[in-house]
């Protein structure tokens, strides 16, 4: 089984979730739980850092769709940063760049909130 882990860091600008490894049907519930907890704490400015994510499946993509409307309804957003080319290709093929801000760096994602 492929490994997946995530780490969260809070600051005054946004909640940042760092993804590592392989995000698929088996591991997507971990991300879903993490984002759900962030939102339940009233935090609606979320950055997901993909620098260390090697693979994402459609189940992983679905997690972002679950929360985007709720976050935006509460004056927040989910910004996506640091995707490897093969991960970005999956997002691009499904039209995610039309729905989400996808940027190269975490700093760019922070700037998108301003």
N, C-alpha and C. Protein backbone atom coordinates (compact mmCIF):
# COMPACT_ATOMS: atom_id res chain seq x y z
N UNK A 1 0.85 -1.19 0.00
CA UNK A 1 0.00 0.00 0.00
C UNK A 1 0.89 1.25 0.00
N UNK A 2 0.51 2.23 -0.77
CA UNK A 2 1.26 3.48 -0.84
C UNK A 2 1.01 4.32 0.40
N UNK A 3 2.01 5.08 0.77
CA UNK A 3 1.92 5.87 1.99
C UNK A 3 1.37 7.26 1.72
N UNK A 4 0.68 7.78 2.71
CA UNK A 4 0.15 9.13 2.67
C UNK A 4 0.23 9.71 4.07
N UNK A 5 0.57 10.97 4.15
CA UNK A 5 0.50 11.68 5.42
C UNK A 5 0.19 13.14 5.14
N UNK A 6 -0.28 13.80 6.17
CA UNK A 6 -0.50 15.24 6.05
C UNK A 6 -0.10 15.91 7.34
N UNK A 7 0.20 17.17 7.21
CA UNK A 7 0.62 17.99 8.34
C UNK A 7 -0.10 19.32 8.21
N UNK A 8 -0.49 19.89 9.32
CA UNK A 8 -1.18 21.18 9.30
C UNK A 8 -0.39 22.21 10.08
N UNK A 9 -0.44 23.44 9.57
CA UNK A 9 0.15 24.57 10.27
C UNK A 9 -0.82 25.74 10.19
N UNK A 10 -1.02 26.38 11.31
CA UNK A 10 -1.90 27.54 11.37
C UNK A 10 -1.06 28.80 11.49
N UNK A 11 -1.54 29.84 10.86
CA UNK A 11 -0.98 31.16 11.12
C UNK A 11 -2.11 32.17 10.97
N UNK A 12 -1.81 33.43 11.11
CA UNK A 12 -2.87 34.44 11.09
C UNK A 12 -3.45 34.68 9.70
N UNK A 13 -2.81 34.14 8.67
CA UNK A 13 -3.29 34.38 7.30
C UNK A 13 -4.14 33.25 6.75
N UNK A 14 -3.81 32.01 7.13
CA UNK A 14 -4.55 30.86 6.60
C UNK A 14 -4.12 29.59 7.32
N UNK A 15 -4.91 28.57 7.16
CA UNK A 15 -4.54 27.22 7.61
C UNK A 15 -3.85 26.54 6.43
N UNK A 16 -2.68 25.96 6.65
CA UNK A 16 -1.95 25.30 5.57
C UNK A 16 -1.91 23.80 5.85
N UNK A 17 -2.28 23.03 4.83
CA UNK A 17 -2.25 21.57 4.93
C UNK A 17 -1.21 21.08 3.92
N UNK A 18 -0.22 20.36 4.43
CA UNK A 18 0.85 19.81 3.60
C UNK A 18 0.56 18.34 3.32
N UNK A 19 0.52 17.98 2.04
CA UNK A 19 0.24 16.60 1.63
C UNK A 19 1.54 15.90 1.25
N UNK A 20 1.63 14.63 1.63
CA UNK A 20 2.82 13.82 1.34
C UNK A 20 2.41 12.45 0.83
N UNK A 21 3.00 12.01 -0.28
CA UNK A 21 2.81 10.64 -0.74
C UNK A 21 1.74 10.48 -1.79
N UNK A 22 0.80 9.59 -1.52
CA UNK A 22 -0.20 9.18 -2.49
C UNK A 22 -1.60 9.40 -1.92
N UNK A 23 -2.37 10.26 -2.59
CA UNK A 23 -3.75 10.55 -2.16
C UNK A 23 -4.70 9.80 -3.09
N UNK A 24 -5.35 8.77 -2.53
CA UNK A 24 -6.24 7.94 -3.34
C UNK A 24 -7.49 7.59 -2.52
N UNK A 25 -8.27 6.64 -2.98
CA UNK A 25 -9.52 6.28 -2.31
C UNK A 25 -9.29 5.81 -0.87
N UNK A 26 -8.16 5.20 -0.61
CA UNK A 26 -7.86 4.70 0.73
C UNK A 26 -7.42 5.81 1.68
N UNK A 27 -6.79 6.84 1.14
CA UNK A 27 -6.22 7.88 1.99
C UNK A 27 -7.02 9.18 1.98
N UNK A 28 -7.91 9.35 1.01
CA UNK A 28 -8.70 10.58 0.91
C UNK A 28 -9.49 10.89 2.18
N UNK A 29 -10.02 9.88 2.90
CA UNK A 29 -10.75 10.21 4.13
C UNK A 29 -9.91 10.95 5.17
N UNK A 30 -8.59 10.73 5.19
CA UNK A 30 -7.73 11.48 6.11
C UNK A 30 -7.77 12.97 5.79
N UNK A 31 -7.67 13.30 4.51
CA UNK A 31 -7.72 14.70 4.10
C UNK A 31 -9.10 15.28 4.36
N UNK A 32 -10.12 14.52 4.06
CA UNK A 32 -11.49 14.99 4.29
C UNK A 32 -11.71 15.32 5.77
N UNK A 33 -11.24 14.46 6.65
CA UNK A 33 -11.36 14.70 8.08
C UNK A 33 -10.59 15.95 8.49
N UNK A 34 -9.38 16.11 7.99
CA UNK A 34 -8.55 17.28 8.34
C UNK A 34 -9.23 18.58 7.92
N UNK A 35 -9.74 18.63 6.69
CA UNK A 35 -10.40 19.85 6.22
C UNK A 35 -11.69 20.09 7.00
N UNK A 36 -12.42 19.05 7.28
CA UNK A 36 -13.66 19.18 8.05
C UNK A 36 -13.39 19.78 9.43
N UNK A 37 -12.33 19.34 10.08
CA UNK A 37 -11.97 19.87 11.39
C UNK A 37 -11.59 21.35 11.29
N UNK A 38 -10.81 21.70 10.27
CA UNK A 38 -10.42 23.10 10.06
C UNK A 38 -11.67 23.97 9.92
N UNK A 39 -12.59 23.54 9.09
CA UNK A 39 -13.81 24.32 8.87
C UNK A 39 -14.66 24.40 10.14
N UNK A 40 -14.73 23.30 10.89
CA UNK A 40 -15.52 23.31 12.13
C UNK A 40 -14.94 24.27 13.16
N UNK A 41 -13.66 24.60 13.02
CA UNK A 41 -13.02 25.58 13.91
C UNK A 41 -13.22 27.01 13.42
N UNK A 42 -14.01 27.17 12.35
CA UNK A 42 -14.30 28.49 11.82
C UNK A 42 -13.22 29.05 10.92
N UNK A 43 -12.31 28.21 10.48
CA UNK A 43 -11.24 28.66 9.60
C UNK A 43 -11.65 28.36 8.16
N UNK A 44 -11.74 29.40 7.35
CA UNK A 44 -12.21 29.25 5.97
C UNK A 44 -11.19 29.70 4.93
N UNK A 45 -10.00 29.98 5.36
CA UNK A 45 -8.90 30.32 4.44
C UNK A 45 -7.90 29.17 4.52
N UNK A 46 -7.93 28.34 3.49
CA UNK A 46 -7.16 27.10 3.51
C UNK A 46 -6.22 27.05 2.31
N UNK A 47 -4.97 26.72 2.57
CA UNK A 47 -4.00 26.48 1.50
C UNK A 47 -3.60 25.01 1.59
N UNK A 48 -3.63 24.34 0.47
CA UNK A 48 -3.15 22.95 0.43
C UNK A 48 -1.85 22.95 -0.36
N UNK A 49 -0.78 22.52 0.31
CA UNK A 49 0.55 22.50 -0.29
C UNK A 49 0.82 21.08 -0.81
N UNK A 50 1.04 20.98 -2.12
CA UNK A 50 1.22 19.70 -2.80
C UNK A 50 2.68 19.36 -3.08
N UNK A 51 3.63 20.12 -2.55
CA UNK A 51 5.04 19.93 -2.89
C UNK A 51 5.50 18.48 -2.77
N UNK A 52 5.01 17.75 -1.79
CA UNK A 52 5.47 16.39 -1.56
C UNK A 52 4.43 15.33 -1.92
N UNK A 53 3.42 15.72 -2.68
CA UNK A 53 2.42 14.75 -3.13
C UNK A 53 2.86 14.18 -4.46
N UNK A 54 2.94 12.87 -4.53
CA UNK A 54 3.42 12.19 -5.74
C UNK A 54 2.28 11.76 -6.67
N UNK A 55 1.09 11.53 -6.11
CA UNK A 55 0.00 10.97 -6.89
C UNK A 55 -1.33 11.40 -6.29
N UNK A 56 -2.31 11.66 -7.14
CA UNK A 56 -3.67 11.92 -6.68
C UNK A 56 -4.65 11.20 -7.60
N UNK A 57 -5.65 10.58 -7.02
CA UNK A 57 -6.69 9.91 -7.79
C UNK A 57 -7.94 10.79 -7.81
N UNK A 58 -8.95 10.35 -8.53
CA UNK A 58 -10.21 11.11 -8.58
C UNK A 58 -10.84 11.21 -7.19
N UNK A 59 -10.65 10.20 -6.35
CA UNK A 59 -11.17 10.26 -4.98
C UNK A 59 -10.51 11.41 -4.22
N UNK A 60 -9.23 11.59 -4.43
CA UNK A 60 -8.52 12.70 -3.79
C UNK A 60 -9.03 14.04 -4.28
N UNK A 61 -9.26 14.13 -5.58
CA UNK A 61 -9.80 15.37 -6.16
C UNK A 61 -11.17 15.68 -5.58
N UNK A 62 -11.96 14.64 -5.39
CA UNK A 62 -13.32 14.83 -4.88
C UNK A 62 -13.38 15.50 -3.53
N UNK A 63 -12.36 15.31 -2.72
CA UNK A 63 -12.34 15.94 -1.39
C UNK A 63 -12.44 17.45 -1.52
N UNK A 64 -11.76 18.03 -2.47
CA UNK A 64 -11.79 19.48 -2.63
C UNK A 64 -13.17 19.97 -3.06
N UNK A 65 -13.84 19.19 -3.88
CA UNK A 65 -15.18 19.57 -4.33
C UNK A 65 -16.20 19.51 -3.20
N UNK A 66 -15.97 18.62 -2.24
CA UNK A 66 -16.88 18.48 -1.10
C UNK A 66 -16.96 19.79 -0.31
N UNK A 67 -15.84 20.48 -0.17
CA UNK A 67 -15.77 21.61 0.75
C UNK A 67 -15.78 22.99 0.10
N UNK A 68 -15.54 23.10 -1.18
CA UNK A 68 -15.32 24.43 -1.77
C UNK A 68 -16.53 25.36 -1.63
N UNK A 69 -17.72 24.84 -1.85
CA UNK A 69 -18.90 25.71 -1.75
C UNK A 69 -19.11 26.20 -0.32
N UNK A 70 -18.94 25.31 0.65
CA UNK A 70 -19.12 25.69 2.05
C UNK A 70 -18.11 26.75 2.47
N UNK A 71 -16.86 26.57 2.09
CA UNK A 71 -15.81 27.52 2.44
C UNK A 71 -16.10 28.88 1.81
N UNK A 72 -16.45 28.88 0.53
CA UNK A 72 -16.72 30.16 -0.15
C UNK A 72 -17.98 30.82 0.39
N UNK A 73 -18.95 30.04 0.81
CA UNK A 73 -20.18 30.62 1.39
C UNK A 73 -19.88 31.35 2.70
N UNK A 74 -18.75 31.01 3.32
CA UNK A 74 -18.33 31.65 4.56
C UNK A 74 -17.17 32.61 4.33
N UNK A 75 -17.12 33.20 3.14
CA UNK A 75 -16.13 34.21 2.77
C UNK A 75 -14.70 33.71 2.80
N UNK A 76 -14.50 32.43 2.53
CA UNK A 76 -13.16 31.87 2.48
C UNK A 76 -12.87 31.27 1.12
N UNK A 77 -11.80 30.49 1.06
CA UNK A 77 -11.44 29.81 -0.18
C UNK A 77 -10.41 28.74 0.13
N UNK A 78 -10.22 27.86 -0.84
CA UNK A 78 -9.17 26.84 -0.79
C UNK A 78 -8.22 27.13 -1.94
N UNK A 79 -6.97 27.41 -1.62
CA UNK A 79 -5.94 27.67 -2.63
C UNK A 79 -5.02 26.46 -2.69
N UNK A 80 -4.59 26.11 -3.89
CA UNK A 80 -3.77 24.93 -4.11
C UNK A 80 -2.39 25.37 -4.60
N UNK A 81 -1.33 24.86 -3.96
CA UNK A 81 0.02 25.35 -4.26
C UNK A 81 1.02 24.21 -4.42
N UNK A 82 2.00 24.43 -5.30
CA UNK A 82 3.17 23.59 -5.39
C UNK A 82 2.96 22.21 -5.99
N UNK A 83 2.10 22.10 -6.98
CA UNK A 83 1.86 20.78 -7.59
C UNK A 83 2.98 20.37 -8.52
N UNK A 84 3.34 19.10 -8.43
CA UNK A 84 4.25 18.51 -9.43
C UNK A 84 3.50 18.43 -10.76
N UNK A 85 4.19 18.46 -11.88
CA UNK A 85 3.50 18.45 -13.19
C UNK A 85 2.49 17.31 -13.37
N UNK A 86 2.83 16.09 -12.94
CA UNK A 86 1.88 15.00 -13.17
C UNK A 86 0.65 15.12 -12.28
N UNK A 87 0.77 15.71 -11.11
CA UNK A 87 -0.40 15.96 -10.26
C UNK A 87 -1.24 17.08 -10.87
N UNK A 88 -0.58 18.15 -11.32
CA UNK A 88 -1.32 19.24 -11.96
C UNK A 88 -2.09 18.74 -13.18
N UNK A 89 -1.50 17.84 -13.95
CA UNK A 89 -2.17 17.32 -15.15
C UNK A 89 -3.52 16.72 -14.81
N UNK A 90 -3.61 16.00 -13.71
CA UNK A 90 -4.89 15.41 -13.29
C UNK A 90 -5.90 16.52 -13.00
N UNK A 91 -5.49 17.53 -12.26
CA UNK A 91 -6.38 18.65 -11.95
C UNK A 91 -6.80 19.36 -13.24
N UNK A 92 -5.84 19.58 -14.13
CA UNK A 92 -6.09 20.30 -15.37
C UNK A 92 -7.07 19.55 -16.28
N UNK A 93 -6.90 18.25 -16.41
CA UNK A 93 -7.78 17.46 -17.26
C UNK A 93 -9.23 17.52 -16.82
N UNK A 94 -9.44 17.70 -15.52
CA UNK A 94 -10.80 17.75 -14.99
C UNK A 94 -11.32 19.17 -14.81
N UNK A 95 -10.59 20.16 -15.31
CA UNK A 95 -11.06 21.54 -15.29
C UNK A 95 -10.92 22.27 -13.97
N UNK A 96 -10.14 21.75 -13.05
CA UNK A 96 -10.01 22.39 -11.75
C UNK A 96 -9.40 23.79 -11.80
N UNK A 97 -8.51 24.10 -12.77
CA UNK A 97 -8.00 25.47 -12.79
C UNK A 97 -9.08 26.54 -13.03
N UNK A 98 -10.23 26.12 -13.52
CA UNK A 98 -11.35 27.06 -13.68
C UNK A 98 -12.05 27.30 -12.34
N UNK A 99 -11.91 26.37 -11.40
CA UNK A 99 -12.63 26.44 -10.13
C UNK A 99 -11.77 26.88 -8.96
N UNK A 100 -10.49 26.62 -9.03
CA UNK A 100 -9.57 26.87 -7.92
C UNK A 100 -8.39 27.70 -8.38
N UNK A 101 -7.84 28.49 -7.45
CA UNK A 101 -6.55 29.14 -7.70
C UNK A 101 -5.48 28.09 -7.47
N UNK A 102 -4.73 27.77 -8.54
CA UNK A 102 -3.62 26.82 -8.45
C UNK A 102 -2.36 27.61 -8.78
N UNK A 103 -1.47 27.71 -7.78
CA UNK A 103 -0.26 28.53 -7.92
C UNK A 103 0.98 27.70 -7.63
N UNK A 104 2.13 28.27 -7.97
CA UNK A 104 3.40 27.55 -7.82
C UNK A 104 3.90 27.47 -6.39
N UNK A 105 3.66 28.51 -5.60
CA UNK A 105 4.24 28.54 -4.26
C UNK A 105 3.19 28.87 -3.20
N UNK A 106 3.52 28.50 -1.99
CA UNK A 106 2.66 28.81 -0.85
C UNK A 106 2.51 30.33 -0.67
N UNK A 107 3.60 31.07 -0.87
CA UNK A 107 3.54 32.53 -0.75
C UNK A 107 2.55 33.13 -1.75
N UNK A 108 2.54 32.61 -2.99
CA UNK A 108 1.57 33.08 -3.97
C UNK A 108 0.15 32.80 -3.51
N UNK A 109 -0.04 31.65 -2.89
CA UNK A 109 -1.38 31.30 -2.38
C UNK A 109 -1.80 32.27 -1.29
N UNK A 110 -0.89 32.59 -0.36
CA UNK A 110 -1.21 33.59 0.66
C UNK A 110 -1.60 34.90 0.01
N UNK A 111 -0.85 35.32 -1.00
CA UNK A 111 -1.11 36.59 -1.67
C UNK A 111 -2.49 36.61 -2.32
N UNK A 112 -2.97 35.47 -2.78
CA UNK A 112 -4.29 35.39 -3.43
C UNK A 112 -5.42 35.71 -2.46
N UNK A 113 -5.18 35.59 -1.17
CA UNK A 113 -6.20 35.93 -0.18
C UNK A 113 -6.33 37.43 0.03
N UNK A 114 -5.37 38.21 -0.40
CA UNK A 114 -5.38 39.66 -0.17
C UNK A 114 -6.18 40.39 -1.22
